[in-house]
N, C-alpha and C. Protein backbone atom coordinates (compact mmCIF):
# COMPACT_ATOMS: atom_id res chain seq x y z
N UNK A 1 -114.14 -13.94 73.87
CA UNK A 1 -113.13 -13.22 74.57
C UNK A 1 -112.71 -12.03 73.99
N UNK A 2 -112.34 -11.10 75.00
CA UNK A 2 -111.81 -9.70 74.67
C UNK A 2 -110.52 -9.42 75.48
N UNK A 3 -109.49 -8.74 74.85
CA UNK A 3 -108.36 -8.34 75.37
C UNK A 3 -108.33 -6.82 75.49
N UNK A 4 -108.14 -6.36 76.78
CA UNK A 4 -108.10 -5.04 77.18
C UNK A 4 -107.15 -4.90 78.40
N UNK A 5 -106.82 -3.56 78.57
CA UNK A 5 -105.92 -3.24 79.51
C UNK A 5 -106.58 -3.12 80.88
N UNK A 6 -105.95 -3.62 81.96
CA UNK A 6 -106.50 -3.67 83.34
C UNK A 6 -105.39 -3.00 84.20
N UNK A 7 -105.74 -2.56 85.33
CA UNK A 7 -104.97 -2.14 86.37
C UNK A 7 -105.61 -2.46 87.85
N UNK A 8 -105.01 -2.34 88.85
CA UNK A 8 -105.67 -2.68 90.07
C UNK A 8 -105.06 -1.88 91.27
N UNK A 9 -105.70 -1.48 92.19
CA UNK A 9 -105.05 -0.86 93.39
C UNK A 9 -104.20 -1.86 94.17
N UNK A 10 -104.38 -3.09 93.96
CA UNK A 10 -103.54 -4.25 94.66
C UNK A 10 -102.22 -4.26 94.16
N UNK A 11 -101.89 -3.75 92.87
CA UNK A 11 -100.76 -3.73 92.32
C UNK A 11 -100.50 -2.42 91.64
N UNK A 12 -100.15 -1.43 92.52
CA UNK A 12 -100.14 -0.03 92.03
C UNK A 12 -99.09 0.19 90.85
N UNK A 13 -99.52 1.09 89.90
CA UNK A 13 -98.70 1.70 88.84
C UNK A 13 -98.33 0.56 87.98
N UNK A 14 -99.11 -0.45 87.95
CA UNK A 14 -98.84 -1.63 86.97
C UNK A 14 -100.25 -1.86 86.15
N UNK A 15 -99.98 -2.05 84.78
CA UNK A 15 -101.13 -2.35 83.88
C UNK A 15 -100.71 -3.45 83.04
N UNK A 16 -101.78 -4.25 82.49
CA UNK A 16 -101.44 -5.27 81.67
C UNK A 16 -102.66 -5.59 80.74
N UNK A 17 -102.33 -6.38 79.73
CA UNK A 17 -103.38 -6.83 78.76
C UNK A 17 -103.91 -8.10 79.18
N UNK A 18 -105.23 -8.12 79.59
CA UNK A 18 -105.93 -9.44 80.09
C UNK A 18 -107.05 -9.80 79.16
N UNK A 19 -107.27 -11.00 78.87
CA UNK A 19 -108.17 -11.49 78.11
C UNK A 19 -109.26 -12.03 78.96
N UNK A 20 -110.57 -11.57 78.70
CA UNK A 20 -111.69 -11.88 79.51
C UNK A 20 -112.91 -12.19 78.65
N UNK A 21 -113.82 -13.01 79.22
CA UNK A 21 -115.09 -13.18 78.45
C UNK A 21 -115.82 -11.92 78.16
N UNK A 22 -116.38 -11.75 76.94
CA UNK A 22 -117.12 -10.55 76.82
C UNK A 22 -118.38 -10.52 77.40
N UNK A 23 -118.98 -11.65 77.74
CA UNK A 23 -120.35 -11.61 78.46
C UNK A 23 -120.10 -12.76 79.45
N UNK A 24 -120.85 -12.54 80.69
CA UNK A 24 -120.80 -13.53 81.67
C UNK A 24 -122.15 -13.57 82.34
N UNK A 25 -122.47 -14.74 83.06
CA UNK A 25 -123.59 -14.81 83.89
C UNK A 25 -123.03 -15.33 85.28
N UNK A 26 -123.43 -14.40 86.25
CA UNK A 26 -122.80 -14.76 87.68
C UNK A 26 -124.04 -15.08 88.51
N UNK A 27 -123.88 -16.30 89.28
CA UNK A 27 -124.92 -16.70 90.03
C UNK A 27 -124.48 -16.66 91.50
N UNK A 28 -125.20 -16.11 92.43
CA UNK A 28 -124.77 -16.12 93.89
C UNK A 28 -126.02 -15.88 94.72
N UNK A 29 -125.70 -15.39 95.92
CA UNK A 29 -126.77 -15.06 96.79
C UNK A 29 -126.74 -13.65 97.39
N UNK A 30 -127.88 -13.04 97.59
CA UNK A 30 -127.86 -11.75 98.20
C UNK A 30 -127.55 -11.80 99.78
N UNK A 31 -127.66 -10.81 100.50
CA UNK A 31 -127.38 -10.96 101.92
C UNK A 31 -128.40 -11.53 102.75
N UNK A 32 -129.55 -11.96 102.13
CA UNK A 32 -130.72 -12.64 102.68
C UNK A 32 -130.63 -14.16 102.40
N UNK A 33 -129.70 -14.35 101.48
CA UNK A 33 -129.55 -15.90 101.22
C UNK A 33 -130.41 -16.29 99.93
N UNK A 34 -130.98 -15.20 99.35
CA UNK A 34 -131.80 -15.50 98.09
C UNK A 34 -130.92 -15.47 96.94
N UNK A 35 -131.31 -16.47 96.05
CA UNK A 35 -130.47 -16.68 94.80
C UNK A 35 -130.63 -15.32 93.89
N UNK A 36 -129.42 -15.10 93.36
CA UNK A 36 -129.47 -13.88 92.32
C UNK A 36 -128.72 -14.33 91.14
N UNK A 37 -129.11 -13.83 90.00
CA UNK A 37 -128.33 -14.07 88.81
C UNK A 37 -128.02 -12.80 88.07
N UNK A 38 -126.91 -12.54 87.71
CA UNK A 38 -126.56 -11.22 87.04
C UNK A 38 -125.90 -11.63 85.55
N UNK A 39 -126.55 -10.98 84.49
CA UNK A 39 -125.92 -11.18 83.29
C UNK A 39 -125.37 -9.88 82.85
N UNK A 40 -124.10 -9.94 82.39
CA UNK A 40 -123.39 -8.69 82.14
C UNK A 40 -122.48 -8.90 80.82
N UNK A 41 -122.24 -7.77 80.22
CA UNK A 41 -121.24 -7.71 79.04
C UNK A 41 -120.36 -6.32 79.10
N UNK A 42 -119.44 -6.38 78.39
CA UNK A 42 -118.65 -5.16 78.34
C UNK A 42 -117.67 -4.99 79.73
N UNK A 43 -117.69 -3.66 80.10
CA UNK A 43 -117.05 -3.37 81.17
C UNK A 43 -117.47 -3.98 82.48
N UNK A 44 -118.77 -4.08 82.64
CA UNK A 44 -119.38 -4.75 83.89
C UNK A 44 -118.88 -6.30 83.93
N UNK A 45 -118.90 -6.87 82.79
CA UNK A 45 -118.46 -8.30 82.71
C UNK A 45 -117.02 -8.47 83.08
N UNK A 46 -116.13 -7.47 82.56
CA UNK A 46 -114.72 -7.49 82.95
C UNK A 46 -114.59 -7.21 84.39
N UNK A 47 -115.29 -6.23 84.98
CA UNK A 47 -115.08 -5.86 86.39
C UNK A 47 -115.56 -7.14 87.24
N UNK A 48 -116.72 -7.76 86.98
CA UNK A 48 -117.10 -9.00 87.72
C UNK A 48 -116.04 -10.04 87.70
N UNK A 49 -115.48 -10.33 86.52
CA UNK A 49 -114.43 -11.32 86.48
C UNK A 49 -113.26 -10.89 87.37
N UNK A 50 -112.84 -9.64 87.19
CA UNK A 50 -111.72 -9.26 87.95
C UNK A 50 -111.91 -9.42 89.43
N UNK A 51 -113.12 -8.96 89.91
CA UNK A 51 -113.33 -8.96 91.32
C UNK A 51 -113.49 -10.43 91.86
N UNK A 52 -114.18 -11.39 90.97
CA UNK A 52 -114.34 -12.74 91.58
C UNK A 52 -112.93 -13.37 91.52
N UNK A 53 -112.11 -12.88 90.59
CA UNK A 53 -110.59 -13.43 90.72
C UNK A 53 -110.05 -13.14 92.14
N UNK A 54 -110.23 -11.85 92.56
CA UNK A 54 -109.67 -11.45 93.99
C UNK A 54 -110.21 -12.49 95.00
N UNK A 55 -111.48 -12.90 94.90
CA UNK A 55 -111.98 -13.83 95.82
C UNK A 55 -111.34 -15.24 95.81
N UNK A 56 -110.81 -15.49 94.67
CA UNK A 56 -110.00 -16.74 94.43
C UNK A 56 -108.51 -16.57 94.69
N UNK A 57 -108.13 -15.40 95.02
CA UNK A 57 -106.70 -15.15 95.24
C UNK A 57 -105.90 -14.96 93.94
N UNK A 58 -106.48 -14.54 92.94
CA UNK A 58 -105.90 -14.33 91.64
C UNK A 58 -105.99 -12.91 91.30
N UNK A 59 -104.70 -12.25 90.83
CA UNK A 59 -104.62 -10.94 90.49
C UNK A 59 -104.48 -10.80 88.99
N UNK A 60 -104.84 -9.67 88.52
CA UNK A 60 -104.90 -9.49 86.97
C UNK A 60 -103.43 -9.87 86.30
N UNK A 61 -102.44 -9.45 87.16
CA UNK A 61 -101.10 -9.88 86.67
C UNK A 61 -100.88 -11.19 86.57
N UNK A 62 -101.60 -12.18 87.17
CA UNK A 62 -101.49 -13.66 86.95
C UNK A 62 -102.14 -14.05 85.70
N UNK A 63 -103.08 -13.25 85.29
CA UNK A 63 -103.75 -13.57 83.91
C UNK A 63 -103.33 -12.74 82.85
N UNK A 64 -102.34 -11.87 83.10
CA UNK A 64 -102.00 -10.79 82.04
C UNK A 64 -101.21 -11.56 80.84
N UNK A 65 -101.53 -11.17 79.63
CA UNK A 65 -100.89 -11.72 78.38
C UNK A 65 -99.63 -10.98 78.37
N UNK A 66 -99.59 -9.76 78.78
CA UNK A 66 -98.45 -8.85 78.73
C UNK A 66 -98.49 -7.80 79.77
N UNK A 67 -97.57 -7.57 80.50
CA UNK A 67 -97.40 -6.52 81.31
C UNK A 67 -96.73 -5.29 80.58
N UNK A 68 -97.55 -4.16 80.68
CA UNK A 68 -97.00 -2.90 79.91
C UNK A 68 -95.75 -2.40 80.71
N UNK A 69 -94.88 -1.90 79.99
CA UNK A 69 -93.67 -1.34 80.64
C UNK A 69 -94.20 -0.04 81.58
N UNK A 70 -93.55 0.05 82.72
CA UNK A 70 -93.99 1.06 83.61
C UNK A 70 -93.99 2.55 83.04
N UNK A 71 -93.04 2.72 82.19
CA UNK A 71 -93.09 4.19 81.59
C UNK A 71 -94.18 4.33 80.70
N UNK A 72 -94.73 3.30 80.24
CA UNK A 72 -95.96 3.44 79.15
C UNK A 72 -97.12 4.07 79.94
N UNK A 73 -97.71 5.12 79.30
CA UNK A 73 -98.86 5.65 79.68
C UNK A 73 -100.10 4.77 79.24
N UNK A 74 -100.62 3.90 80.17
CA UNK A 74 -101.59 3.12 79.91
C UNK A 74 -102.85 3.82 79.09
N UNK A 75 -103.13 4.86 79.56
CA UNK A 75 -104.28 5.58 79.01
C UNK A 75 -104.16 5.84 77.48
N UNK A 76 -102.94 6.01 77.09
CA UNK A 76 -102.71 6.37 75.68
C UNK A 76 -102.89 5.03 74.93
N UNK A 77 -102.59 3.90 75.47
CA UNK A 77 -102.70 2.61 74.77
C UNK A 77 -104.10 2.15 74.73
N UNK A 78 -104.93 2.57 75.77
CA UNK A 78 -106.41 2.33 75.78
C UNK A 78 -107.10 3.01 74.74
N UNK A 79 -106.69 4.16 74.24
CA UNK A 79 -107.24 4.98 73.16
C UNK A 79 -107.01 4.38 71.78
N UNK A 80 -105.99 3.45 71.73
CA UNK A 80 -105.72 3.02 70.38
C UNK A 80 -106.67 1.93 69.82
């Protein structure tokens, strides 16, 4: 598990600390119905989990360990 700051266009101007798996394997189908499997780590793993959450009706704020204050510059916290 890794904790990092996330944001989303579905929740404008809001950022939060979210714990996600560092490495994932996603199994699905391509547009022709053929099975595909993607192994990912780092930012791609985080993005896949974030987007799959959308398919399940879950937003990053539902998983956030902490919502950052709105006046906080989230990019400065990402650099720490």
